[in-house]
Amino acid sequence: MVGLTEKECRAYFLVCALLLIGAFARYLPKSSVVFDEEYYAPLFEEFERLSARADSFDRAEKLKIRNMNPERHARAFIDLNTASREELQSLPRVGPALSARILALRERLGSFLDVSDLLMVQGIGEKTLELIRDSVYVEVISPDE
């Protein structure tokens, strides 16, 4: 270009390129969304559950005190944080696949804080939890142990 230095020419072409890209982007169809909310919805739900659990470590001390009450464990005989696959399979409606998912969740979380954490296991809903609640307990493992 006549009368422009090399740096000015590069800047001119950069501005022109950006204008062209901006003009082109304006006419892109709005349906080409990069972020698909339906695809990520289950991940967001699990993130919310796990983050709510992680934020509740202050309640872990209260749970530890509550769970150390021996009378509370009079009927419960399986500790979810130490149970083997065979012990879990002795529970009602818990077979090999469900016990494997319970162990996988325990491995991922580090330990259960409460029996209701079993609701995070796929295949355990409110009804199944109520069936096994009297047979299990959680001995909370302190983070500094």
C-alpha atoms as a PDB file:
ATOM      1  CA  MET A   1       0.000   0.000   0.000  1.00  0.00           C
ATOM      2  CA  VAL A   2       1.211   3.412  -0.861  1.00  0.00           C
ATOM      3  CA  GLY A   3       2.297   5.664   1.990  1.00  0.00           C
ATOM      4  CA  LEU A   4       1.960   3.067   4.798  1.00  0.00           C
ATOM      5  CA  THR A   5       4.778   1.421   6.710  1.00  0.00           C
ATOM      6  CA  GLU A   6       4.995  -2.324   7.048  1.00  0.00           C
ATOM      7  CA  LYS A   7       3.573  -2.219  10.614  1.00  0.00           C
ATOM      8  CA  GLU A   8       0.681  -0.019   9.472  1.00  0.00           C
ATOM      9  CA  CYS A   9      -0.098  -2.445   6.623  1.00  0.00           C
ATOM     10  CA  ARG A  10      -0.178  -5.392   9.035  1.00  0.00           C
ATOM     11  CA  ALA A  11      -2.434  -3.472  11.418  1.00  0.00           C
ATOM     12  CA  TYR A  12      -4.704  -2.475   8.507  1.00  0.00           C
ATOM     13  CA  PHE A  13      -5.035  -6.093   7.325  1.00  0.00           C
ATOM     14  CA  LEU A  14      -5.631  -7.291  10.879  1.00  0.00           C
ATOM     15  CA  VAL A  15      -8.457  -4.779  11.373  1.00  0.00           C
ATOM     16  CA  CYS A  16      -9.976  -5.721   8.005  1.00  0.00           C
ATOM     17  CA  ALA A  17      -9.765  -9.420   8.861  1.00  0.00           C
ATOM     18  CA  LEU A  18     -11.437  -8.844  12.218  1.00  0.00           C
ATOM     19  CA  LEU A  19     -14.212  -6.831  10.583  1.00  0.00           C
ATOM     20  CA  LEU A  20     -14.818  -9.607   8.060  1.00  0.00           C
ATOM     21  CA  ILE A  21     -14.888 -12.254  10.775  1.00  0.00           C
ATOM     22  CA  GLY A  22     -17.278 -10.143  12.835  1.00  0.00           C
ATOM     23  CA  ALA A  23     -19.546  -9.556   9.834  1.00  0.00           C
ATOM     24  CA  PHE A  24     -19.531 -13.267   9.037  1.00  0.00           C
ATOM     25  CA  ALA A  25     -20.221 -14.270  12.656  1.00  0.00           C
ATOM     26  CA  ARG A  26     -23.223 -11.971  12.764  1.00  0.00           C
ATOM     27  CA  TYR A  27     -24.960 -14.013  10.077  1.00  0.00           C
ATOM     28  CA  LEU A  28     -24.244 -17.427  11.590  1.00  0.00           C
ATOM     29  CA  PRO A  29     -27.431 -19.243  12.539  1.00  0.00           C
ATOM     30  CA  LYS A  30     -28.256 -18.928  16.227  1.00  0.00           C
ATOM     31  CA  SER A  31     -28.942 -22.660  16.486  1.00  0.00           C
ATOM     32  CA  SER A  32     -25.236 -23.484  16.288  1.00  0.00           C
ATOM     33  CA  VAL A  33     -24.808 -23.339  20.057  1.00  0.00           C
ATOM     34  CA  VAL A  34     -21.528 -24.761  21.260  1.00  0.00           C
ATOM     35  CA  PHE A  35     -22.871 -25.414  24.752  1.00  0.00           C
ATOM     36  CA  ASP A  36     -25.711 -27.949  24.761  1.00  0.00           C
ATOM     37  CA  GLU A  37     -27.488 -27.667  28.129  1.00  0.00           C
ATOM     38  CA  GLU A  38     -29.427 -30.919  27.721  1.00  0.00           C
ATOM     39  CA  TYR A  39     -26.231 -32.890  27.179  1.00  0.00           C
ATOM     40  CA  TYR A  40     -24.558 -31.476  30.294  1.00  0.00           C
ATOM     41  CA  ALA A  41     -27.644 -31.444  32.571  1.00  0.00           C
ATOM     42  CA  PRO A  42     -26.858 -34.803  34.273  1.00  0.00           C
ATOM     43  CA  LEU A  43     -23.290 -33.672  34.887  1.00  0.00           C
ATOM     44  CA  PHE A  44     -24.505 -30.437  36.457  1.00  0.00           C
ATOM     45  CA  GLU A  45     -26.899 -32.367  38.701  1.00  0.00           C
ATOM     46  CA  GLU A  46     -24.139 -34.682  39.892  1.00  0.00           C
ATOM     47  CA  PHE A  47     -21.830 -31.708  40.385  1.00  0.00           C
ATOM     48  CA  GLU A  48     -24.455 -30.004  42.535  1.00  0.00           C
ATOM     49  CA  ARG A  49     -24.914 -33.140  44.651  1.00  0.00           C
ATOM     50  CA  LEU A  50     -21.180 -33.651  45.107  1.00  0.00           C
ATOM     51  CA  SER A  51     -20.452 -30.003  45.812  1.00  0.00           C
ATOM     52  CA  ALA A  52     -23.243 -29.911  48.400  1.00  0.00           C
ATOM     53  CA  ARG A  53     -21.656 -32.958  49.999  1.00  0.00           C
ATOM     54  CA  ALA A  54     -18.188 -31.442  49.874  1.00  0.00           C
ATOM     55  CA  ASP A  55     -19.442 -28.226  51.428  1.00  0.00           C
ATOM     56  CA  SER A  56     -20.848 -30.175  54.345  1.00  0.00           C
ATOM     57  CA  PHE A  57     -17.617 -31.355  55.936  1.00  0.00           C
ATOM     58  CA  ASP A  58     -18.494 -29.195  58.912  1.00  0.00           C
ATOM     59  CA  ARG A  59     -21.455 -31.501  59.485  1.00  0.00           C
ATOM     60  CA  ALA A  60     -19.094 -34.477  59.413  1.00  0.00           C
ATOM     61  CA  GLU A  61     -18.069 -33.812  63.002  1.00  0.00           C
ATOM     62  CA  LYS A  62     -21.721 -33.783  64.080  1.00  0.00           C
ATOM     63  CA  LEU A  63     -22.322 -36.999  62.148  1.00  0.00           C
ATOM     64  CA  LYS A  64     -19.268 -38.568  63.740  1.00  0.00           C
ATOM     65  CA  ILE A  65     -20.615 -37.806  67.203  1.00  0.00           C
ATOM     66  CA  ARG A  66     -24.087 -39.033  66.278  1.00  0.00           C
ATOM     67  CA  ASN A  67     -22.780 -42.202  64.586  1.00  0.00           C
ATOM     68  CA  MET A  68     -20.601 -43.164  67.551  1.00  0.00           C
ATOM     69  CA  ASN A  69     -23.716 -43.788  69.627  1.00  0.00           C
ATOM     70  CA  PRO A  70     -23.675 -47.598  70.128  1.00  0.00           C
ATOM     71  CA  GLU A  71     -27.443 -47.819  70.724  1.00  0.00           C
ATOM     72  CA  ARG A  72     -28.004 -46.408  67.258  1.00  0.00           C
ATOM     73  CA  HIS A  73     -26.075 -49.350  65.774  1.00  0.00           C
ATOM     74  CA  ALA A  74     -27.920 -52.043  67.698  1.00  0.00           C
ATOM     75  CA  ARG A  75     -29.747 -53.198  64.535  1.00  0.00           C
ATOM     76  CA  ALA A  76     -27.287 -51.926  61.934  1.00  0.00           C
ATOM     77  CA  PHE A  77     -24.509 -54.366  61.206  1.00  0.00           C
ATOM     78  CA  ILE A  78     -22.779 -53.185  58.002  1.00  0.00           C
ATOM     79  CA  ASP A  79     -20.520 -50.128  57.948  1.00  0.00           C
ATOM     80  CA  LEU A  80     -20.742 -48.630  54.465  1.00  0.00           C
ATOM     81  CA  ASN A  81     -17.191 -47.274  54.672  1.00  0.00           C
ATOM     82  CA  THR A  82     -15.606 -50.689  55.311  1.00  0.00           C
ATOM     83  CA  ALA A  83     -18.102 -53.173  53.827  1.00  0.00           C
ATOM     84  CA  SER A  84     -16.918 -55.711  51.287  1.00  0.00           C
ATOM     85  CA  ARG A  85     -18.783 -56.603  48.106  1.00  0.00           C
ATOM     86  CA  GLU A  86     -20.145 -59.767  49.722  1.00  0.00           C
ATOM     87  CA  GLU A  87     -21.417 -57.873  52.761  1.00  0.00           C
ATOM     88  CA  LEU A  88     -23.178 -55.350  50.543  1.00  0.00           C
ATOM     89  CA  GLN A  89     -24.765 -58.156  48.529  1.00  0.00           C
ATOM     90  CA  SER A  90     -26.338 -59.508  51.706  1.00  0.00           C
ATOM     91  CA  LEU A  91     -28.560 -56.407  51.794  1.00  0.00           C
ATOM     92  CA  PRO A  92     -32.045 -56.552  50.268  1.00  0.00           C
ATOM     93  CA  ARG A  93     -32.179 -55.667  46.548  1.00  0.00           C
ATOM     94  CA  VAL A  94     -28.388 -55.306  46.335  1.00  0.00           C
ATOM     95  CA  GLY A  95     -26.793 -57.617  43.818  1.00  0.00           C
ATOM     96  CA  PRO A  96     -23.340 -57.756  42.210  1.00  0.00           C
ATOM     97  CA  ALA A  97     -23.882 -54.760  39.923  1.00  0.00           C
ATOM     98  CA  LEU A  98     -25.322 -52.482  42.610  1.00  0.00           C
ATOM     99  CA  SER A  99     -22.660 -53.453  45.138  1.00  0.00           C
ATOM    100  CA  ALA A 100     -19.995 -52.629  42.544  1.00  0.00           C
ATOM    101  CA  ARG A 101     -21.556 -49.186  42.015  1.00  0.00           C
ATOM    102  CA  ILE A 102     -21.654 -48.583  45.776  1.00  0.00           C
ATOM    103  CA  LEU A 103     -17.965 -49.496  46.076  1.00  0.00           C
ATOM    104  CA  ALA A 104     -17.097 -47.306  43.070  1.00  0.00           C
ATOM    105  CA  LEU A 105     -18.873 -44.330  44.631  1.00  0.00           C
ATOM    106  CA  ARG A 106     -17.156 -44.946  47.965  1.00  0.00           C
ATOM    107  CA  GLU A 107     -13.807 -45.031  46.160  1.00  0.00           C
ATOM    108  CA  ARG A 108     -14.616 -41.815  44.296  1.00  0.00           C
ATOM    109  CA  LEU A 109     -15.848 -39.953  47.392  1.00  0.00           C
ATOM    110  CA  GLY A 110     -13.272 -41.326  49.790  1.00  0.00           C
ATOM    111  CA  SER A 111     -15.936 -42.236  52.339  1.00  0.00           C
ATOM    112  CA  PHE A 112     -19.616 -41.877  52.979  1.00  0.00           C
ATOM    113  CA  LEU A 113     -20.723 -39.207  55.453  1.00  0.00           C
ATOM    114  CA  ASP A 114     -24.234 -40.513  55.960  1.00  0.00           C
ATOM    115  CA  VAL A 115     -26.377 -43.457  54.897  1.00  0.00           C
ATOM    116  CA  SER A 116     -28.389 -41.097  52.686  1.00  0.00           C
ATOM    117  CA  ASP A 117     -25.268 -40.684  50.497  1.00  0.00           C
ATOM    118  CA  LEU A 118     -26.371 -43.979  48.930  1.00  0.00           C
ATOM    119  CA  LEU A 119     -28.959 -41.968  46.992  1.00  0.00           C
ATOM    120  CA  MET A 120     -26.075 -40.870  44.762  1.00  0.00           C
ATOM    121  CA  VAL A 121     -25.701 -44.481  43.567  1.00  0.00           C
ATOM    122  CA  GLN A 122     -27.538 -45.193  40.344  1.00  0.00           C
ATOM    123  CA  GLY A 123     -30.189 -47.783  41.123  1.00  0.00           C
ATOM    124  CA  ILE A 124     -30.801 -46.738  44.729  1.00  0.00           C
ATOM    125  CA  GLY A 125     -33.838 -44.589  45.272  1.00  0.00           C
ATOM    126  CA  GLU A 126     -35.858 -43.650  48.330  1.00  0.00           C
ATOM    127  CA  LYS A 127     -37.636 -47.021  48.500  1.00  0.00           C
ATOM    128  CA  THR A 128     -34.472 -49.109  48.280  1.00  0.00           C
ATOM    129  CA  LEU A 129     -32.743 -46.860  50.793  1.00  0.00           C
ATOM    130  CA  GLU A 130     -35.597 -47.323  53.264  1.00  0.00           C
ATOM    131  CA  LEU A 131     -35.317 -51.106  52.843  1.00  0.00           C
ATOM    132  CA  ILE A 132     -31.622 -51.175  53.713  1.00  0.00           C
ATOM    133  CA  ARG A 133     -31.361 -48.193  56.089  1.00  0.00           C
ATOM    134  CA  ASP A 134     -31.815 -50.330  59.232  1.00  0.00           C
ATOM    135  CA  SER A 135     -29.089 -52.738  58.117  1.00  0.00           C
ATOM    136  CA  VAL A 136     -26.318 -50.224  57.461  1.00  0.00           C
ATOM    137  CA  TYR A 137     -24.553 -47.415  59.240  1.00  0.00           C
ATOM    138  CA  VAL A 138     -21.679 -45.032  58.528  1.00  0.00           C
ATOM    139  CA  GLU A 139     -18.688 -44.697  60.789  1.00  0.00           C
ATOM    140  CA  VAL A 140     -17.414 -41.311  59.679  1.00  0.00           C
ATOM    141  CA  ILE A 141     -13.716 -41.270  58.910  1.00  0.00           C
ATOM    142  CA  SER A 142     -12.105 -38.039  60.018  1.00  0.00           C
ATOM    143  CA  PRO A 143     -10.201 -36.213  57.225  1.00  0.00           C
ATOM    144  CA  ASP A 144      -7.093 -35.985  59.437  1.00  0.00           C
ATOM    145  CA  GLU A 145      -6.955 -39.726  60.168  1.00  0.00           C
END
